[in-house]
């Protein structure tokens, strides 16, 4: 896998309760940038942001970064529904 860019797809798309879909690295970065500073300091957001940064350096971390973002969205109560399981 080559390096990631803003247009690189996340491992799976995440749909929020307001209908917003986060499907690319760039969309995730824009979402993180829109968080208030006090939100970014919360543990689940700190981990999600750190994992995306790690994936930018080492693309094999992209699935973990996507799952970390999914977890943060679940903890905030704004994930519409989980993605389907692979092969189901």
Protein backbone atom coordinates (compact mmCIF):
# COMPACT_ATOMS: atom_id res chain seq x y z
CA UNK A 1 0.00 0.00 0.00
CA UNK A 2 1.41 3.39 -0.94
CA UNK A 3 1.11 6.54 1.14
CA UNK A 4 -2.28 7.94 2.03
CA UNK A 5 -3.73 11.22 0.78
CA UNK A 6 -6.85 13.20 1.58
CA UNK A 7 -8.73 11.24 -1.08
CA UNK A 8 -7.71 7.83 0.32
CA UNK A 9 -10.73 5.82 1.40
CA UNK A 10 -11.12 4.81 5.03
CA UNK A 11 -11.47 1.07 5.63
CA UNK A 12 -15.23 1.59 5.72
CA UNK A 13 -17.52 4.61 5.52
CA UNK A 14 -19.09 5.99 8.69
CA UNK A 15 -22.53 7.60 8.58
CA UNK A 16 -23.50 10.06 11.28
CA UNK A 17 -26.99 10.58 12.67
CA UNK A 18 -27.27 13.87 10.72
CA UNK A 19 -26.63 12.01 7.44
CA UNK A 20 -23.01 13.12 7.05
CA UNK A 21 -20.77 10.37 5.65
CA UNK A 22 -17.09 10.21 6.54
CA UNK A 23 -15.49 7.99 3.91
CA UNK A 24 -12.03 9.44 3.23
CA UNK A 25 -8.94 10.45 5.16
CA UNK A 26 -9.61 14.07 4.19
CA UNK A 27 -13.19 13.96 5.47
CA UNK A 28 -11.97 12.52 8.77
CA UNK A 29 -9.33 15.26 9.04
CA UNK A 30 -11.94 17.96 8.34
CA UNK A 31 -14.21 16.43 10.99
CA UNK A 32 -11.37 16.42 13.54
CA UNK A 33 -10.54 20.04 12.69
CA UNK A 34 -14.15 20.98 13.46
CA UNK A 35 -14.00 19.62 16.99
CA UNK A 36 -13.81 22.16 19.80
CA UNK A 37 -10.44 22.17 21.60
CA UNK A 38 -11.99 20.69 24.74
CA UNK A 39 -13.45 17.84 22.67
CA UNK A 40 -10.07 17.09 21.08
CA UNK A 41 -8.67 16.72 24.60
CA UNK A 42 -11.13 13.89 25.42
CA UNK A 43 -9.49 10.47 25.39
CA UNK A 44 -11.53 8.90 22.59
CA UNK A 45 -10.87 11.83 20.24
CA UNK A 46 -7.19 11.99 21.18
CA UNK A 47 -6.82 8.31 20.28
CA UNK A 48 -8.76 8.66 17.00
CA UNK A 49 -6.68 11.66 15.91
CA UNK A 50 -3.42 9.95 16.89
CA UNK A 51 -4.36 6.79 14.99
CA UNK A 52 -5.18 8.76 11.83
CA UNK A 53 -1.80 10.51 12.13
CA UNK A 54 -0.15 7.10 12.52
CA UNK A 55 -1.97 5.83 9.42
CA UNK A 56 -0.67 8.79 7.43
CA UNK A 57 2.86 7.72 8.34
CA UNK A 58 2.19 3.97 8.08
CA UNK A 59 -0.83 3.09 5.88
CA UNK A 60 -1.19 -0.37 7.42
CA UNK A 61 -2.75 1.41 10.42
CA UNK A 62 -5.70 2.67 8.35
CA UNK A 63 -8.15 0.00 9.58
CA UNK A 64 -7.22 0.72 13.20
CA UNK A 65 -7.61 4.45 12.56
CA UNK A 66 -11.05 3.90 11.02
CA UNK A 67 -12.11 1.75 13.97
CA UNK A 68 -10.82 4.39 16.42
CA UNK A 69 -12.91 7.05 14.65
CA UNK A 70 -15.91 4.72 14.72
CA UNK A 71 -15.45 4.20 18.47
CA UNK A 72 -15.22 7.95 19.13
CA UNK A 73 -18.40 8.54 17.13
CA UNK A 74 -20.21 5.77 19.05
CA UNK A 75 -19.10 7.24 22.38
CA UNK A 76 -20.45 10.64 21.27
CA UNK A 77 -23.74 8.98 20.27
CA UNK A 78 -23.56 10.30 16.72
CA UNK A 79 -22.85 7.17 14.66
CA UNK A 80 -26.00 6.28 12.70
CA UNK A 81 -25.30 2.55 12.65
CA UNK A 82 -22.31 0.27 12.51
CA UNK A 83 -21.11 -0.89 9.10
CA UNK A 84 -22.00 -4.44 8.06
CA UNK A 85 -19.58 -7.16 9.07
CA UNK A 86 -17.24 -8.34 6.33
CA UNK A 87 -18.91 -11.06 4.28
CA UNK A 88 -22.36 -10.61 5.87
